[in-house]
């Protein structure tokens, strides 16, 4: 039996189990409270097993620390629960379109959702996708990344046990077993599921969108940071930037990559960055060695440096970095997108460029995103001027633009997510944080509206909003 046939038959077995569980869930769980109790069970699974999950994730991926891993997935679980609980996802739900008189909206699940995991977040993505999908009465099949297959599989088993405890169908969450984890199995899953979510690299996201089923993917990060010319607290900005950039040794796509610094404040910036834990490397020879290490022969990123501490990375090319630093900082004045160091680096590296004019900083950021990847994702600005904030936000092609926050976003009003949609800029179907409301179908129930407004010839000369009804 060929690998393709074996993988397909195996995945078909998972799909049949998942379909049966999903239909039972849809048929029997018809109140919001009952559904939310199942959602809570998914999130609560991490509370009971956080040490085991974090330890396995770090030992298998070799990325970050146990405490950082725990912080990440605990935050994902708790933030998702507070966002999801109580919100309507069954039966009649509010119609968010005010120009549809007499239309009632009924929420329906998509069905079985395939979820492809990244190696960089094998725990939190299972939790985040699982909670959002189940909120909408779907089931999920997890396709782990081969590098972290055991982590995602054990995470799924803990969730299954939590579902069993409350009497919910265990097979609402299924995972491809590590020994069956392969490109062939993932491809088979994408083709049989009703819809798919892809969180990871561009090749995997392309596969999600190319399988013939509805898909939700992510775009790559390459987050830009604008420091305004007179931002009053350089140290607080730099401290936040370095802290976010070094979380889990720079693996998250939501971390800063390039900081655009006003030239007159460069010395102040470098001092603040040093205090925050960023080690400046300015020797051209050392920068050249790091460039070749990170992007050998100008090609794809070297997997050996992904998520590794800077001391370990620098030692690979005989550069010594003191132990009390957390990030490497380099200056890069190539603003036309031709330097490979302008790409996203999944390690605790920060680059900065100086500008004389604020408009030039915006243009450089736009070029970096459009030429070297990252358009549609996230960027931030540190500024006290609303007009500068709007000037940048209107120009920079990203779905999230954070003001006086690190590029991960901090205590803002956006819904939490593990799947950052980057819109057409990033080749994605949505340009916002993926959540449960993207994972539902809707039936619109209509009735005749006696006072519906009809077209009049004079309407061609009007440019105001046309009301759907007449008074």
Protein backbone atom coordinates (compact mmCIF):
# COMPACT_ATOMS: atom_id res chain seq x y z
CA UNK A 1 0.00 0.00 0.00
CA UNK A 2 1.42 3.41 -0.98
CA UNK A 3 1.98 6.13 1.60
CA UNK A 4 -0.70 8.28 -0.03
CA UNK A 5 -3.32 5.50 0.13
CA UNK A 6 -2.42 4.60 3.72
CA UNK A 7 -2.56 8.24 4.82
CA UNK A 8 -5.89 8.78 3.07
CA UNK A 9 -7.50 5.73 4.65
CA UNK A 10 -6.19 6.70 8.08
CA UNK A 11 -7.48 10.26 7.77
CA UNK A 12 -10.82 9.02 6.45
CA UNK A 13 -11.20 7.06 9.66
CA UNK A 14 -10.53 10.19 11.72
CA UNK A 15 -12.94 12.18 9.58
CA UNK A 16 -15.80 9.70 10.06
CA UNK A 17 -15.34 9.82 13.83
CA UNK A 18 -15.12 13.62 13.78
CA UNK A 19 -18.22 13.94 11.60
CA UNK A 20 -20.24 11.72 13.93
CA UNK A 21 -19.15 13.72 16.99
CA UNK A 22 -19.87 17.04 15.30
CA UNK A 23 -23.37 16.02 14.23
CA UNK A 24 -24.17 14.76 17.71
CA UNK A 25 -22.88 18.02 19.17
CA UNK A 26 -24.92 20.10 16.74
CA UNK A 27 -28.07 18.06 17.32
CA UNK A 28 -27.96 17.72 21.12
CA UNK A 29 -26.24 20.92 22.32
CA UNK A 30 -28.81 23.56 21.47
CA UNK A 31 -28.41 26.09 24.28
CA UNK A 32 -25.63 28.61 24.62
CA UNK A 33 -24.82 27.52 28.15
CA UNK A 34 -24.39 23.88 27.11
CA UNK A 35 -22.08 24.85 24.25
CA UNK A 36 -20.05 27.22 26.40
CA UNK A 37 -19.48 24.52 28.99
CA UNK A 38 -17.80 22.45 26.28
CA UNK A 39 -15.73 25.44 25.18
CA UNK A 40 -14.64 25.95 28.78
CA UNK A 41 -13.61 22.30 29.05
CA UNK A 42 -11.19 22.79 26.16
CA UNK A 43 -9.58 25.79 27.84
CA UNK A 44 -9.57 24.24 31.30
CA UNK A 45 -7.56 21.25 30.03
CA UNK A 46 -4.40 23.36 30.11
CA UNK A 47 -4.89 24.34 33.75
CA UNK A 48 -4.57 20.75 34.90
CA UNK A 49 -1.57 19.86 32.77
CA UNK A 50 0.33 23.08 32.18
CA UNK A 51 3.68 21.80 33.47
CA UNK A 52 3.60 18.63 31.37
CA UNK A 53 2.47 20.49 28.24
CA UNK A 54 5.06 23.26 28.53
CA UNK A 55 7.87 20.87 29.33
CA UNK A 56 7.12 18.67 26.33
CA UNK A 57 6.76 21.67 24.00
CA UNK A 58 10.15 23.10 24.94
CA UNK A 59 11.97 19.75 24.90
CA UNK A 60 10.55 18.86 21.48
CA UNK A 61 10.81 22.25 19.75
CA UNK A 62 13.96 23.55 21.51
CA UNK A 63 12.32 26.98 21.44
CA UNK A 64 11.77 29.34 24.35
CA UNK A 65 11.50 28.38 28.01
CA UNK A 66 9.00 26.37 30.03
CA UNK A 67 7.74 29.46 31.86
CA UNK A 68 7.28 31.40 28.61
CA UNK A 69 5.42 28.49 27.04
CA UNK A 70 3.11 28.24 30.04
CA UNK A 71 2.50 31.99 30.01
CA UNK A 72 1.64 31.87 26.31
CA UNK A 73 -0.88 29.05 26.26
CA UNK A 74 -2.43 29.99 29.60
CA UNK A 75 -3.00 33.50 28.26
CA UNK A 76 -4.49 32.10 25.04
CA UNK A 77 -6.88 29.87 26.98
CA UNK A 78 -8.01 32.49 29.50
CA UNK A 79 -8.31 35.34 27.01
CA UNK A 80 -10.29 33.17 24.61
CA UNK A 81 -12.64 32.08 27.37
CA UNK A 82 -13.40 35.66 28.41
CA UNK A 83 -13.93 36.65 24.78
CA UNK A 84 -16.12 33.66 23.89
CA UNK A 85 -18.29 33.07 26.94
CA UNK A 86 -21.91 34.12 26.61
CA UNK A 87 -21.69 35.33 23.03
CA UNK A 88 -24.45 33.94 20.80
CA UNK A 89 -23.41 31.16 18.42
CA UNK A 90 -26.50 28.94 18.28
CA UNK A 91 -30.04 29.56 17.02
CA UNK A 92 -30.97 33.13 16.22
CA UNK A 93 -28.08 35.57 16.54
CA UNK A 94 -28.01 39.36 16.12
CA UNK A 95 -28.03 40.64 12.55
CA UNK A 96 -25.04 42.97 12.37
CA UNK A 97 -26.30 44.58 9.16
CA UNK A 98 -28.75 47.39 9.93
CA UNK A 99 -29.90 47.69 6.30
CA UNK A 100 -31.65 44.29 6.24
CA UNK A 101 -35.20 44.89 7.56
CA UNK A 102 -37.19 41.84 8.54
CA UNK A 103 -34.19 39.48 8.25
CA UNK A 104 -33.47 37.01 11.05
CA UNK A 105 -30.09 35.29 11.19
CA UNK A 106 -29.62 31.68 12.34
CA UNK A 107 -26.11 30.42 13.14
CA UNK A 108 -25.00 27.04 11.79
CA UNK A 109 -21.65 25.23 12.09
CA UNK A 110 -19.27 24.70 9.18
CA UNK A 111 -18.74 21.06 10.18
CA UNK A 112 -15.38 19.33 10.52
CA UNK A 113 -12.48 21.79 10.50
CA UNK A 114 -8.92 20.74 9.74
CA UNK A 115 -6.32 22.67 11.71
CA UNK A 116 -2.68 22.65 10.59
CA UNK A 117 -0.24 23.40 13.41
CA UNK A 118 3.01 25.37 13.27
CA UNK A 119 6.18 24.08 14.94
CA UNK A 120 6.49 27.44 16.71
CA UNK A 121 3.19 27.17 18.65
CA UNK A 122 2.16 23.51 18.97
CA UNK A 123 0.11 24.07 22.15
CA UNK A 124 -1.59 27.45 21.96
CA UNK A 125 -2.77 26.92 18.38
CA UNK A 126 -4.53 23.70 19.37
CA UNK A 127 -6.27 25.55 22.21
CA UNK A 128 -7.14 28.68 20.25
CA UNK A 129 -8.43 26.92 17.14
CA UNK A 130 -10.23 24.32 19.24
CA UNK A 131 -12.08 26.79 21.45
CA UNK A 132 -13.15 29.00 18.53
CA UNK A 133 -14.30 26.05 16.40
CA UNK A 134 -16.25 24.35 19.17
CA UNK A 135 -17.90 27.64 20.13
CA UNK A 136 -19.51 27.48 16.68
CA UNK A 137 -20.44 23.76 17.16
CA UNK A 138 -17.75 22.44 14.86
CA UNK A 139 -15.32 19.59 15.46
CA UNK A 140 -11.58 19.75 14.71
CA UNK A 141 -8.91 17.44 13.38
CA UNK A 142 -5.39 18.55 14.28
CA UNK A 143 -2.49 18.04 11.85
CA UNK A 144 0.67 18.53 13.91
CA UNK A 145 3.94 19.84 12.56
CA UNK A 146 6.39 16.92 12.34
CA UNK A 147 8.89 18.75 14.57
CA UNK A 148 6.38 19.02 17.43
CA UNK A 149 3.98 16.19 16.67
CA UNK A 150 4.07 14.66 20.16
CA UNK A 151 3.31 18.01 21.81
CA UNK A 152 0.19 18.70 19.74
CA UNK A 153 -0.93 15.08 20.10
CA UNK A 154 -0.64 15.11 23.90
CA UNK A 155 -2.31 18.52 24.06
CA UNK A 156 -5.22 17.07 22.08
CA UNK A 157 -5.43 14.05 24.38
CA UNK A 158 -5.63 16.27 27.46
CA UNK A 159 -8.50 18.16 25.82
CA UNK A 160 -10.25 14.90 24.92
CA UNK A 161 -10.02 13.77 28.54
CA UNK A 162 -11.47 17.10 29.66
CA UNK A 163 -14.39 16.69 27.23
CA UNK A 164 -15.02 13.18 28.49
CA UNK A 165 -15.21 14.43 32.07
CA UNK A 166 -18.23 16.59 31.25
CA UNK A 167 -19.90 14.00 29.03
CA UNK A 168 -19.21 15.79 25.73
CA UNK A 169 -18.18 13.83 22.61
CA UNK A 170 -14.42 13.21 22.87
CA UNK A 171 -14.05 13.06 19.12
CA UNK A 172 -14.85 16.76 18.81
CA UNK A 173 -11.05 16.99 19.02
CA UNK A 174 -8.93 14.47 17.13
CA UNK A 175 -5.26 14.61 16.22
CA UNK A 176 -3.15 12.77 13.67
CA UNK A 177 -0.88 10.46 15.65
CA UNK A 178 2.86 11.25 15.61
CA UNK A 179 3.75 8.05 13.76
CA UNK A 180 1.20 8.93 11.06
CA UNK A 181 2.17 12.60 10.86
CA UNK A 182 3.29 13.37 7.30
CA UNK A 183 2.75 15.69 4.37
CA UNK A 184 0.52 13.02 2.85
CA UNK A 185 -1.68 12.82 5.96
CA UNK A 186 -2.00 16.60 6.22
CA UNK A 187 -2.88 16.82 2.53
CA UNK A 188 -5.52 14.13 2.94
CA UNK A 189 -6.99 15.98 5.90
CA UNK A 190 -7.20 19.23 3.97
CA UNK A 191 -9.11 17.52 1.17
CA UNK A 192 -11.72 15.75 3.32
CA UNK A 193 -12.55 18.40 5.94
CA UNK A 194 -15.34 20.92 5.38
CA UNK A 195 -13.01 23.87 6.01
CA UNK A 196 -9.40 24.34 7.09
CA UNK A 197 -7.30 26.67 9.20
CA UNK A 198 -3.60 27.01 8.47
CA UNK A 199 -1.29 28.68 10.98
CA UNK A 200 2.33 28.54 9.87
CA UNK A 201 4.64 29.12 6.92
CA UNK A 202 3.67 30.26 3.40
CA UNK A 203 3.92 26.77 1.88
CA UNK A 204 1.44 25.34 4.32
CA UNK A 205 -0.92 28.30 3.96
CA UNK A 206 -0.80 27.88 0.18
CA UNK A 207 -1.74 24.21 0.60
CA UNK A 208 -4.76 25.23 2.71
CA UNK A 209 -5.98 27.60 0.03
CA UNK A 210 -5.25 25.16 -2.82
CA UNK A 211 -7.11 22.08 -1.58
CA UNK A 212 -10.53 23.03 -2.93
CA UNK A 213 -12.13 23.66 0.46
CA UNK A 214 -12.82 26.94 2.29
CA UNK A 215 -9.69 28.03 4.11
CA UNK A 216 -8.37 30.51 6.63
CA UNK A 217 -4.65 31.20 6.67
CA UNK A 218 -2.10 33.60 8.04
CA UNK A 219 0.48 35.85 6.48
CA UNK A 220 4.07 36.14 7.60
CA UNK A 221 5.17 38.70 10.12
CA UNK A 222 7.81 41.36 9.56
CA UNK A 223 6.58 43.94 12.04
CA UNK A 224 7.66 47.56 11.66
CA UNK A 225 7.96 50.07 14.51
CA UNK A 226 7.89 53.84 14.07
CA UNK A 227 9.41 55.94 16.83
CA UNK A 228 8.06 59.48 16.48
CA UNK A 229 10.52 62.34 16.65
CA UNK A 230 9.43 63.67 20.03
CA UNK A 231 8.01 60.63 21.80
CA UNK A 232 8.67 61.60 25.41
CA UNK A 233 9.69 58.27 26.95
CA UNK A 234 12.29 56.53 24.81
CA UNK A 235 13.21 54.07 27.55
CA UNK A 236 9.70 52.73 28.08
CA UNK A 237 9.28 52.21 24.34
CA UNK A 238 12.60 50.40 24.00
CA UNK A 239 11.96 48.25 27.06
CA UNK A 240 8.60 47.14 25.64
CA UNK A 241 10.10 46.49 22.20
CA UNK A 242 12.94 44.31 23.51
CA UNK A 243 10.66 42.42 25.90
CA UNK A 244 8.26 41.55 23.09
CA UNK A 245 11.03 40.78 20.58
CA UNK A 246 12.77 38.35 22.91
CA UNK A 247 9.70 36.47 24.12
CA UNK A 248 10.28 32.81 23.31
CA UNK A 249 13.58 33.82 21.73
CA UNK A 250 11.94 35.82 18.95
CA UNK A 251 9.80 33.08 17.43
CA UNK A 252 6.31 34.71 17.49
CA UNK A 253 5.34 36.43 14.24
CA UNK A 254 3.93 39.30 16.31
CA UNK A 255 7.35 40.55 17.44
CA UNK A 256 9.21 43.62 16.22
CA UNK A 257 11.67 43.32 13.32
CA UNK A 258 12.65 46.85 12.22
CA UNK A 259 12.59 50.02 14.34
CA UNK A 260 12.56 53.34 12.48
CA UNK A 261 14.40 55.90 14.63
CA UNK A 262 14.65 59.70 14.25
CA UNK A 263 18.30 60.40 13.40
CA UNK A 264 18.78 63.17 16.02
CA UNK A 265 17.80 60.68 18.74
CA UNK A 266 19.92 57.74 17.62
CA UNK A 267 22.33 57.94 20.56
CA UNK A 268 19.45 58.14 23.02
CA UNK A 269 17.82 55.17 21.31
CA UNK A 270 21.00 53.07 21.48
CA UNK A 271 21.46 53.81 25.15
CA UNK A 272 17.84 52.88 25.91
CA UNK A 273 18.11 49.68 23.89
CA UNK A 274 21.30 48.70 25.70
CA UNK A 275 19.56 49.25 29.04
CA UNK A 276 16.65 47.11 27.81
CA UNK A 277 19.00 44.24 26.92
CA UNK A 278 19.79 44.67 23.22
CA UNK A 279 23.44 44.15 22.29
CA UNK A 280 24.62 46.37 19.42
CA UNK A 281 26.82 44.78 16.76
CA UNK A 282 28.26 47.42 14.45
CA UNK A 283 31.33 45.72 12.96
CA UNK A 284 30.62 45.15 9.22
CA UNK A 285 32.51 41.86 9.23
CA UNK A 286 30.48 40.48 12.12
CA UNK A 287 27.24 41.64 10.52
CA UNK A 288 28.24 39.88 7.29
CA UNK A 289 28.94 36.65 9.18
CA UNK A 290 25.57 36.83 10.93
CA UNK A 291 23.80 37.52 7.64
CA UNK A 292 25.33 34.43 6.04
CA UNK A 293 24.47 32.34 9.10
CA UNK A 294 20.84 33.47 9.20
CA UNK A 295 20.22 33.37 5.44
CA UNK A 296 22.85 31.02 3.92
CA UNK A 297 23.70 32.12 0.36
CA UNK A 298 20.82 34.59 0.57
CA UNK A 299 18.29 31.75 0.71
CA UNK A 300 15.66 30.69 3.29
CA UNK A 301 16.26 31.17 7.00
CA UNK A 302 18.61 28.70 8.68
CA UNK A 303 16.42 26.49 10.90
CA UNK A 304 19.34 26.02 13.29
CA UNK A 305 18.99 29.60 14.56
CA UNK A 306 15.20 29.66 14.94
CA UNK A 307 14.19 30.27 18.55
CA UNK A 308 17.73 30.01 19.89
CA UNK A 309 19.34 32.39 22.43
CA UNK A 310 21.56 35.05 20.91
CA UNK A 311 24.66 33.79 22.72
CA UNK A 312 24.24 30.40 21.06
CA UNK A 313 23.60 31.93 17.64
CA UNK A 314 26.53 34.36 17.83
CA UNK A 315 28.88 31.60 18.96
CA UNK A 316 28.14 29.74 15.70
CA UNK A 317 30.19 32.42 13.90
CA UNK A 318 32.68 33.08 16.72
CA UNK A 319 31.04 36.23 18.07
CA UNK A 320 30.85 36.64 21.84
CA UNK A 321 27.71 38.22 23.31
CA UNK A 322 27.63 38.90 27.08
CA UNK A 323 25.19 36.74 29.02
CA UNK A 324 23.17 39.66 30.35
CA UNK A 325 21.86 40.61 26.88
CA UNK A 326 18.71 39.17 25.34
CA UNK A 327 18.73 40.49 21.76
CA UNK A 328 21.15 41.47 19.03
CA UNK A 329 20.72 44.92 17.51
CA UNK A 330 22.15 45.94 14.13
CA UNK A 331 21.81 49.10 12.05
CA UNK A 332 20.53 48.61 8.53
CA UNK A 333 20.21 51.65 6.30
CA UNK A 334 19.30 49.68 3.15
CA UNK A 335 15.82 51.05 2.56
CA UNK A 336 14.97 49.69 -0.90
CA UNK A 337 14.21 46.14 0.16
CA UNK A 338 17.30 44.56 -1.40
CA UNK A 339 19.09 43.42 1.78
CA UNK A 340 18.14 39.92 2.89
CA UNK A 341 18.43 41.08 6.51
CA UNK A 342 15.21 43.01 5.92
CA UNK A 343 13.23 39.77 6.01
CA UNK A 344 11.49 38.29 9.04
CA UNK A 345 13.97 36.62 11.40
CA UNK A 346 12.57 34.05 13.85
CA UNK A 347 15.21 34.72 16.49
CA UNK A 348 15.90 37.62 18.90
CA UNK A 349 17.41 40.00 16.33
CA UNK A 350 16.38 43.63 15.95
CA UNK A 351 17.40 45.94 13.17
CA UNK A 352 16.99 49.69 13.12
CA UNK A 353 17.17 52.41 10.53
CA UNK A 354 17.36 56.16 11.05
CA UNK A 355 15.29 58.79 9.30
CA UNK A 356 15.44 62.56 8.87
CA UNK A 357 11.83 63.02 7.82
CA UNK A 358 8.82 61.15 9.23
CA UNK A 359 7.38 60.58 5.77
CA UNK A 360 10.62 58.85 4.78
CA UNK A 361 10.24 56.48 7.73
CA UNK A 362 6.74 55.58 6.56
CA UNK A 363 7.97 54.97 3.03
CA UNK A 364 10.80 52.75 4.25
CA UNK A 365 8.40 50.71 6.38
CA UNK A 366 5.99 50.29 3.46
CA UNK A 367 8.81 49.17 1.17
CA UNK A 368 10.09 46.68 3.73
CA UNK A 369 6.64 45.12 4.07
CA UNK A 370 5.78 45.07 0.38
CA UNK A 371 9.14 43.87 -0.94
CA UNK A 372 10.40 41.58 1.83
CA UNK A 373 7.18 40.24 3.29
CA UNK A 374 4.93 41.06 6.20
CA UNK A 375 2.26 43.12 4.46
CA UNK A 376 -1.11 42.64 6.12
CA UNK A 377 0.27 41.59 9.49
CA UNK A 378 1.07 44.10 12.26
CA UNK A 379 3.06 47.24 13.00
CA UNK A 380 3.15 49.88 15.71
CA UNK A 381 3.94 53.51 16.40
CA UNK A 382 5.14 55.27 19.53
CA UNK A 383 3.73 58.78 19.26
CA UNK A 384 1.67 61.39 21.10
CA UNK A 385 0.38 63.06 17.94
CA UNK A 386 -2.97 61.85 16.53
CA UNK A 387 -2.18 63.34 13.12
CA UNK A 388 1.12 61.42 12.91
CA UNK A 389 -0.60 58.24 14.02
CA UNK A 390 -3.23 58.59 11.30
CA UNK A 391 -0.61 59.57 8.72
CA UNK A 392 1.21 56.31 9.30
CA UNK A 393 -1.87 54.12 9.81
CA UNK A 394 -3.37 55.25 6.49
CA UNK A 395 -0.20 54.35 4.59
CA UNK A 396 1.23 51.22 6.16
CA UNK A 397 -0.37 48.05 4.70
CA UNK A 398 -1.19 46.04 7.82
CA UNK A 399 -4.32 44.67 9.44
CA UNK A 400 -3.29 45.72 12.96
CA UNK A 401 -1.62 49.04 13.76
CA UNK A 402 -0.88 49.41 17.46
CA UNK A 403 -0.39 52.78 19.15
CA UNK A 404 2.12 52.99 22.01
CA UNK A 405 2.12 49.21 22.31
CA UNK A 406 4.49 46.45 21.23
CA UNK A 407 3.57 44.89 17.90
CA UNK A 408 1.89 41.94 19.59
CA UNK A 409 -0.72 44.41 20.83
CA UNK A 410 -1.27 44.96 24.51
CA UNK A 411 -4.53 45.52 26.40
CA UNK A 412 -6.39 46.75 23.33
CA UNK A 413 -9.90 45.97 22.13
CA UNK A 414 -9.07 43.35 19.50
CA UNK A 415 -10.29 39.78 20.04
CA UNK A 416 -7.59 37.31 20.99
CA UNK A 417 -6.52 34.85 18.30
CA UNK A 418 -3.82 32.40 17.28
CA UNK A 419 -4.51 32.92 13.56
CA UNK A 420 -3.74 36.41 12.31
CA UNK A 421 -5.50 37.04 9.03
CA UNK A 422 -3.56 39.38 6.74
CA UNK A 423 -6.10 39.98 3.99
CA UNK A 424 -5.21 40.23 0.31
CA UNK A 425 -1.92 41.85 1.32
CA UNK A 426 -0.81 38.55 2.84
CA UNK A 427 -2.76 36.21 0.55
CA UNK A 428 -5.44 35.49 3.15
CA UNK A 429 -9.24 35.35 3.06
CA UNK A 430 -9.74 37.57 6.13
CA UNK A 431 -7.96 40.71 7.28
CA UNK A 432 -8.58 40.49 11.00
CA UNK A 433 -8.03 38.19 13.95
CA UNK A 434 -9.68 34.84 13.19
CA UNK A 435 -12.42 33.96 15.65
CA UNK A 436 -15.52 31.83 16.09
CA UNK A 437 -17.78 34.03 13.93
CA UNK A 438 -15.62 33.23 10.90
CA UNK A 439 -16.30 29.52 11.52
CA UNK A 440 -20.08 29.63 11.12
CA UNK A 441 -22.54 29.46 8.25
CA UNK A 442 -25.71 31.53 8.49
CA UNK A 443 -29.28 31.05 7.35
CA UNK A 444 -31.09 34.31 6.67
CA UNK A 445 -34.83 34.05 7.22
CA UNK A 446 -36.80 36.72 5.35
CA UNK A 447 -40.35 38.00 5.30
CA UNK A 448 -42.09 40.41 2.96
CA UNK A 449 -41.53 44.03 3.95
CA UNK A 450 -44.59 46.16 3.02
CA UNK A 451 -42.79 49.49 3.15
CA UNK A 452 -39.64 48.44 1.26
CA UNK A 453 -38.19 51.37 -0.64
CA UNK A 454 -38.18 51.02 -4.42
CA UNK A 455 -36.03 52.76 -6.99
CA UNK A 456 -37.02 56.20 -8.23
CA UNK A 457 -35.44 57.89 -11.28
CA UNK A 458 -34.28 60.79 -9.09
CA UNK A 459 -32.12 58.37 -7.10
CA UNK A 460 -29.36 58.68 -9.74
CA UNK A 461 -28.83 62.25 -8.50
CA UNK A 462 -28.57 61.32 -4.81
CA UNK A 463 -25.42 60.30 -2.94
CA UNK A 464 -26.75 59.87 0.59
CA UNK A 465 -27.24 56.43 2.13
CA UNK A 466 -30.42 54.88 0.76
CA UNK A 467 -32.71 53.65 3.50
CA UNK A 468 -34.13 50.19 2.92
CA UNK A 469 -37.64 51.24 3.95
CA UNK A 470 -39.82 54.32 3.64
CA UNK A 471 -41.45 55.94 6.64
